[in-house]
Protein backbone atom coordinates (compact mmCIF):
# COMPACT_ATOMS: atom_id res chain seq x y z
CA UNK A 1 15.98 -4.33 1.53
CA UNK A 2 14.49 -1.34 2.39
CA UNK A 3 10.94 0.07 1.86
CA UNK A 4 10.23 3.64 2.69
CA UNK A 5 6.61 4.71 2.44
CA UNK A 6 4.81 8.18 2.01
CA UNK A 7 2.11 9.97 1.24
CA UNK A 8 -0.39 9.22 4.49
CA UNK A 9 -2.04 12.29 6.14
CA UNK A 10 -5.44 13.59 7.28
CA UNK A 11 -8.05 13.34 4.80
CA UNK A 12 -11.70 14.07 4.99
CA UNK A 13 -14.29 11.14 4.20
CA UNK A 14 -14.51 10.76 0.31
CA UNK A 15 -11.37 12.26 -0.08
CA UNK A 16 -8.05 10.77 -1.75
CA UNK A 17 -4.61 10.17 -1.23
CA UNK A 18 -1.51 8.39 -3.18
CA UNK A 19 0.66 6.36 -1.01
CA UNK A 20 3.94 5.47 -2.32
CA UNK A 21 6.65 3.07 -1.55
CA UNK A 22 10.43 3.39 -2.41
CA UNK A 23 11.99 0.09 -2.82
CA UNK A 24 15.99 -0.52 -2.59
CA UNK A 25 18.36 -3.23 -1.71
CA UNK A 26 16.82 -6.35 -4.35
CA UNK A 27 15.71 -6.53 -7.88
CA UNK A 28 12.21 -4.56 -7.81
CA UNK A 29 11.09 -5.53 -10.93
CA UNK A 30 11.30 -9.76 -9.89
CA UNK A 31 9.07 -9.52 -6.96
CA UNK A 32 5.16 -9.39 -6.21
CA UNK A 33 4.62 -6.21 -3.86
CA UNK A 34 1.79 -5.60 -1.51
CA UNK A 35 -0.18 -2.97 0.57
CA UNK A 36 -1.09 -3.91 4.01
CA UNK A 37 -3.01 -1.75 6.40
CA UNK A 38 -3.28 -2.19 10.28
CA UNK A 39 -6.07 -0.23 12.24
CA UNK A 40 -6.13 0.34 15.81
CA UNK A 41 -6.87 -3.01 18.02
CA UNK A 42 -6.94 -4.99 14.54
CA UNK A 43 -4.73 -7.37 12.79
CA UNK A 44 -2.87 -6.30 10.03
CA UNK A 45 -4.70 -7.01 6.46
CA UNK A 46 -3.69 -7.00 3.12
CA UNK A 47 -5.22 -4.35 1.06
CA UNK A 48 -3.80 -5.00 -2.67
CA UNK A 49 -1.38 -6.95 -4.05
CA UNK A 50 0.38 -6.64 -7.65
CA UNK A 51 2.41 -8.94 -9.73
CA UNK A 52 6.14 -8.58 -10.52
CA UNK A 53 5.13 -7.21 -13.97
CA UNK A 54 1.77 -5.56 -13.01
CA UNK A 55 -0.24 -8.00 -14.97
CA UNK A 56 -2.14 -9.55 -12.06
CA UNK A 57 -3.79 -7.54 -9.29
CA UNK A 58 -5.94 -8.55 -6.08
CA UNK A 59 -7.96 -6.36 -4.02
CA UNK A 60 -9.55 -7.06 -0.59
CA UNK A 61 -13.28 -6.54 -0.87
CA UNK A 62 -13.18 -3.65 1.44
CA UNK A 63 -11.10 -1.38 -0.90
CA UNK A 64 -12.07 -3.16 -4.60
CA UNK A 65 -13.58 -0.08 -6.80
CA UNK A 66 -11.73 2.53 -4.47
CA UNK A 67 -8.11 1.73 -4.35
CA UNK A 68 -5.61 0.96 -7.10
CA UNK A 69 -2.39 -0.43 -6.87
CA UNK A 70 0.06 0.14 -9.30
CA UNK A 71 4.05 0.18 -9.90
CA UNK A 72 6.28 1.46 -11.49
CA UNK A 73 9.61 -0.97 -12.54
CA UNK A 74 12.01 2.29 -13.84
CA UNK A 75 11.56 3.70 -10.35
CA UNK A 76 11.32 0.92 -8.11
CA UNK A 77 8.11 2.19 -6.74
CA UNK A 78 4.78 0.98 -5.96
CA UNK A 79 1.68 3.04 -5.39
CA UNK A 80 -1.47 2.42 -4.02
CA UNK A 81 -4.28 5.38 -4.96
CA UNK A 82 -6.81 5.64 -2.73
CA UNK A 83 -10.12 7.48 -3.55
CA UNK A 84 -14.03 7.65 -1.93
CA UNK A 85 -11.87 7.47 1.60
CA UNK A 86 -13.80 6.11 4.59
CA UNK A 87 -13.49 6.61 8.50
CA UNK A 88 -12.97 2.73 8.67
CA UNK A 89 -9.74 3.14 6.08
CA UNK A 90 -8.20 4.64 8.91
CA UNK A 91 -4.95 2.90 9.67
CA UNK A 92 -1.19 2.64 9.29
CA UNK A 93 -0.43 1.61 5.85
CA UNK A 94 2.52 -0.70 5.08
CA UNK A 95 4.35 -1.76 1.95
CA UNK A 96 5.36 -5.60 1.95
CA UNK A 97 7.77 -7.69 -0.33
CA UNK A 98 8.60 -11.38 0.53
CA UNK A 99 12.42 -12.32 -0.65
CA UNK A 100 12.97 -15.46 1.47
CA UNK A 101 11.83 -13.80 4.28
CA UNK A 102 9.53 -10.86 4.69
CA UNK A 103 10.24 -7.44 4.40
CA UNK A 104 7.99 -4.45 5.86
CA UNK A 105 8.27 -0.71 5.20
CA UNK A 106 7.88 1.78 8.32
CA UNK A 107 4.58 2.61 7.71
CA UNK A 108 2.58 5.51 6.99
CA UNK A 109 -0.51 7.12 8.99
CA UNK A 110 -3.79 7.49 7.15
CA UNK A 111 -6.38 9.15 9.25
CA UNK A 112 -9.93 9.58 7.51
CA UNK A 113 -12.26 11.92 9.53
CA UNK A 114 -14.28 15.24 9.26
């Protein structure tokens, strides 16, 4: 199982970023996928989760209405569109899947600062 995130970077408050997670090594279309984030000195927290076919989506209260999770099962990729970014969104963002055990990507840094 391999999860490779991309799309992070430095953005000003109010800006947007789109994260991607390319998955391989398993049947992507059969598994729920999630995005987590971890800010310095804080625990890792769930940001958004999408079911295998995309019909069920959940967001943390802190990002609801600003972030959108989606997936393309033909491309084995899950996305996180982040709009109206705030400084408190600064964190390392991780892609996650559970297949008998937990699998994490290497993370991508998102920094929101003026």
